[in-house]
């Protein structure tokens, strides 16, 4: 589940307590429908109004958000990869979903785009990227809630 894209330069200026992400989870209630496959059709199994707990938001999400902010602020590192067809892609040092418990960030743009300080450019930077604090550009990102975390919230409620 993704949220609106953010600008890297805006994120590094925020403190968690006043951040867009904290405000969203602190103020929002999400209404989820749970579907179950029954043969070739899906049927509603149930629904749930959900709000992130104080502990999850102010301890775990804070820690994860602060880690992302630190990496973005002090230097996202890139590793260039070229496949057998000559297509270029980049890996970075931002934590993957598997390395977080509650939230992660990932590309929000449809296509990857990068501009490096040496002039190298990939993709449509004006449309699909935004500037990092060090002047490079990286594909626009957005925050996501980890799906296994959301599923665990449903399981916990249904077991009570």
Protein backbone atom coordinates (compact mmCIF):
# COMPACT_ATOMS: atom_id res chain seq x y z
CA UNK A 1 0.00 0.00 0.00
CA UNK A 2 1.66 3.19 -1.17
CA UNK A 3 1.30 6.80 -0.13
CA UNK A 4 1.90 9.99 -2.11
CA UNK A 5 5.43 10.59 -3.39
CA UNK A 6 7.73 12.81 -1.41
CA UNK A 7 10.57 15.14 -2.31
CA UNK A 8 13.91 14.13 -0.83
CA UNK A 9 14.75 17.74 0.02
CA UNK A 10 11.47 18.10 1.95
CA UNK A 11 12.01 14.86 3.87
CA UNK A 12 15.48 15.81 5.13
CA UNK A 13 14.11 19.11 6.50
CA UNK A 14 11.46 17.34 8.60
CA UNK A 15 11.65 16.05 12.15
CA UNK A 16 9.70 12.87 12.71
CA UNK A 17 7.29 14.48 15.18
CA UNK A 18 6.26 17.03 12.55
CA UNK A 19 6.64 14.78 9.51
CA UNK A 20 4.05 14.20 6.84
CA UNK A 21 4.25 10.44 7.45
CA UNK A 22 3.72 10.67 11.21
CA UNK A 23 0.85 13.12 10.76
CA UNK A 24 -0.82 10.77 8.30
CA UNK A 25 -0.64 7.69 10.53
CA UNK A 26 -1.45 9.64 13.66
CA UNK A 27 -4.62 11.18 12.18
CA UNK A 28 -5.86 8.52 9.73
CA UNK A 29 -8.00 5.47 10.10
CA UNK A 30 -7.92 3.01 7.23
CA UNK A 31 -10.86 0.79 6.33
CA UNK A 32 -9.77 -2.56 4.91
CA UNK A 33 -11.88 -5.20 3.22
CA UNK A 34 -10.60 -8.76 3.52
CA UNK A 35 -11.37 -10.93 0.51
CA UNK A 36 -11.33 -14.72 0.29
CA UNK A 37 -11.15 -16.66 -2.95
CA UNK A 38 -14.10 -19.06 -3.34
CA UNK A 39 -13.55 -21.02 -6.54
CA UNK A 40 -13.32 -18.46 -9.33
CA UNK A 41 -14.80 -15.58 -7.35
CA UNK A 42 -13.74 -13.48 -4.40
CA UNK A 43 -16.07 -12.95 -1.47
CA UNK A 44 -15.81 -10.46 1.36
CA UNK A 45 -14.58 -12.32 4.42
CA UNK A 46 -14.71 -9.27 6.65
CA UNK A 47 -13.65 -5.71 7.10
CA UNK A 48 -11.68 -3.79 9.65
CA UNK A 49 -11.16 -0.18 10.64
CA UNK A 50 -7.48 0.13 11.45
CA UNK A 51 -5.27 2.69 13.12
CA UNK A 52 -1.55 2.27 13.69
CA UNK A 53 -0.76 1.79 17.36
CA UNK A 54 1.15 4.42 19.30
CA UNK A 55 4.07 2.03 19.86
CA UNK A 56 4.30 0.99 16.21
CA UNK A 57 4.23 4.60 15.03
CA UNK A 58 6.40 6.27 17.65
CA UNK A 59 8.98 3.54 18.11
CA UNK A 60 9.28 1.26 15.07
CA UNK A 61 8.13 3.58 12.27
CA UNK A 62 10.16 6.43 13.80
CA UNK A 63 13.31 4.29 13.78
CA UNK A 64 12.74 3.19 10.17
CA UNK A 65 11.87 6.73 8.98
CA UNK A 66 14.95 8.14 10.69
CA UNK A 67 17.16 5.52 9.01
CA UNK A 68 15.78 6.47 5.58
CA UNK A 69 16.21 10.17 6.34
CA UNK A 70 19.82 9.64 7.45
CA UNK A 71 20.76 7.74 4.29
CA UNK A 72 19.01 10.27 2.04
CA UNK A 73 20.58 13.20 3.88
CA UNK A 74 24.15 11.88 4.04
CA UNK A 75 24.40 9.97 0.78
CA UNK A 76 22.48 7.35 -1.11
CA UNK A 77 25.07 5.06 -2.67
CA UNK A 78 24.44 3.55 -6.09
CA UNK A 79 25.75 0.42 -7.74
CA UNK A 80 25.40 0.43 -11.52
CA UNK A 81 24.36 -2.84 -13.15
CA UNK A 82 24.18 -3.64 -16.85
CA UNK A 83 22.29 -6.73 -18.05
CA UNK A 84 23.14 -8.89 -21.07
CA UNK A 85 21.00 -6.67 -23.34
CA UNK A 86 22.86 -3.56 -22.22
CA UNK A 87 20.02 -2.23 -20.03
CA UNK A 88 21.37 -0.16 -17.14
CA UNK A 89 19.85 -0.27 -13.65
CA UNK A 90 20.97 0.83 -10.21
CA UNK A 91 20.90 -0.71 -6.75
CA UNK A 92 21.05 1.58 -3.73
CA UNK A 93 21.71 1.31 0.00
CA UNK A 94 18.19 2.22 1.17
CA UNK A 95 16.68 -0.59 3.28
CA UNK A 96 14.44 -3.01 1.40
CA UNK A 97 11.06 -4.17 2.69
CA UNK A 98 12.70 -7.34 4.00
CA UNK A 99 14.97 -5.18 6.18
CA UNK A 100 12.14 -3.26 7.85
CA UNK A 101 9.20 -4.16 10.08
CA UNK A 102 6.52 -1.55 9.31
CA UNK A 103 7.36 0.77 6.42
CA UNK A 104 9.69 0.96 3.46
CA UNK A 105 10.20 3.28 0.54
CA UNK A 106 10.31 2.37 -3.09
CA UNK A 107 9.94 4.02 -6.47
CA UNK A 108 6.72 5.86 -7.15
CA UNK A 109 7.47 6.79 -10.76
CA UNK A 110 6.63 4.38 -13.57
CA UNK A 111 10.18 4.50 -14.94
CA UNK A 112 13.54 4.81 -13.22
CA UNK A 113 15.46 8.05 -13.67
CA UNK A 114 18.86 9.21 -12.40
CA UNK A 115 21.21 12.14 -12.89
CA UNK A 116 24.67 12.05 -11.39
CA UNK A 117 27.07 14.88 -10.67
CA UNK A 118 29.37 13.73 -13.50
CA UNK A 119 26.59 14.45 -16.04
CA UNK A 120 25.46 10.84 -16.55
CA UNK A 121 21.69 10.71 -16.94
CA UNK A 122 19.25 7.82 -17.29
CA UNK A 123 15.52 8.04 -17.97
CA UNK A 124 13.32 11.14 -17.88
CA UNK A 125 14.74 12.97 -14.88
CA UNK A 126 12.40 15.96 -15.17
CA UNK A 127 9.32 13.71 -14.99
CA UNK A 128 10.41 10.72 -12.87
CA UNK A 129 13.11 11.88 -10.42
CA UNK A 130 13.81 14.49 -7.80
CA UNK A 131 16.95 15.95 -6.30
CA UNK A 132 18.88 14.45 -3.41
CA UNK A 133 20.70 16.74 -0.94
CA UNK A 134 24.05 16.08 -2.69
CA UNK A 135 22.73 17.38 -6.03
CA UNK A 136 22.20 14.03 -7.70
CA UNK A 137 18.73 12.96 -8.84
CA UNK A 138 17.06 9.64 -8.10
CA UNK A 139 13.74 8.12 -9.08
CA UNK A 140 10.89 9.68 -7.07
CA UNK A 141 9.99 7.54 -4.06
CA UNK A 142 6.99 7.05 -1.78
CA UNK A 143 6.39 5.34 1.55
CA UNK A 144 4.71 1.95 1.68
CA UNK A 145 3.26 -0.04 4.57
CA UNK A 146 4.74 -3.52 4.66
CA UNK A 147 2.05 -5.97 3.56
CA UNK A 148 3.12 -8.64 6.07
CA UNK A 149 2.67 -6.07 8.86
CA UNK A 150 -0.88 -5.26 7.70
CA UNK A 151 -1.70 -8.97 7.41
CA UNK A 152 -0.45 -9.52 10.96
CA UNK A 153 -2.82 -6.79 12.16
CA UNK A 154 -5.78 -8.67 10.69
CA UNK A 155 -4.65 -12.00 12.10
CA UNK A 156 -4.24 -10.53 15.58
CA UNK A 157 -7.73 -9.01 15.53
CA UNK A 158 -9.39 -12.12 14.15
CA UNK A 159 -7.78 -14.40 16.75
CA UNK A 160 -9.18 -12.45 19.71
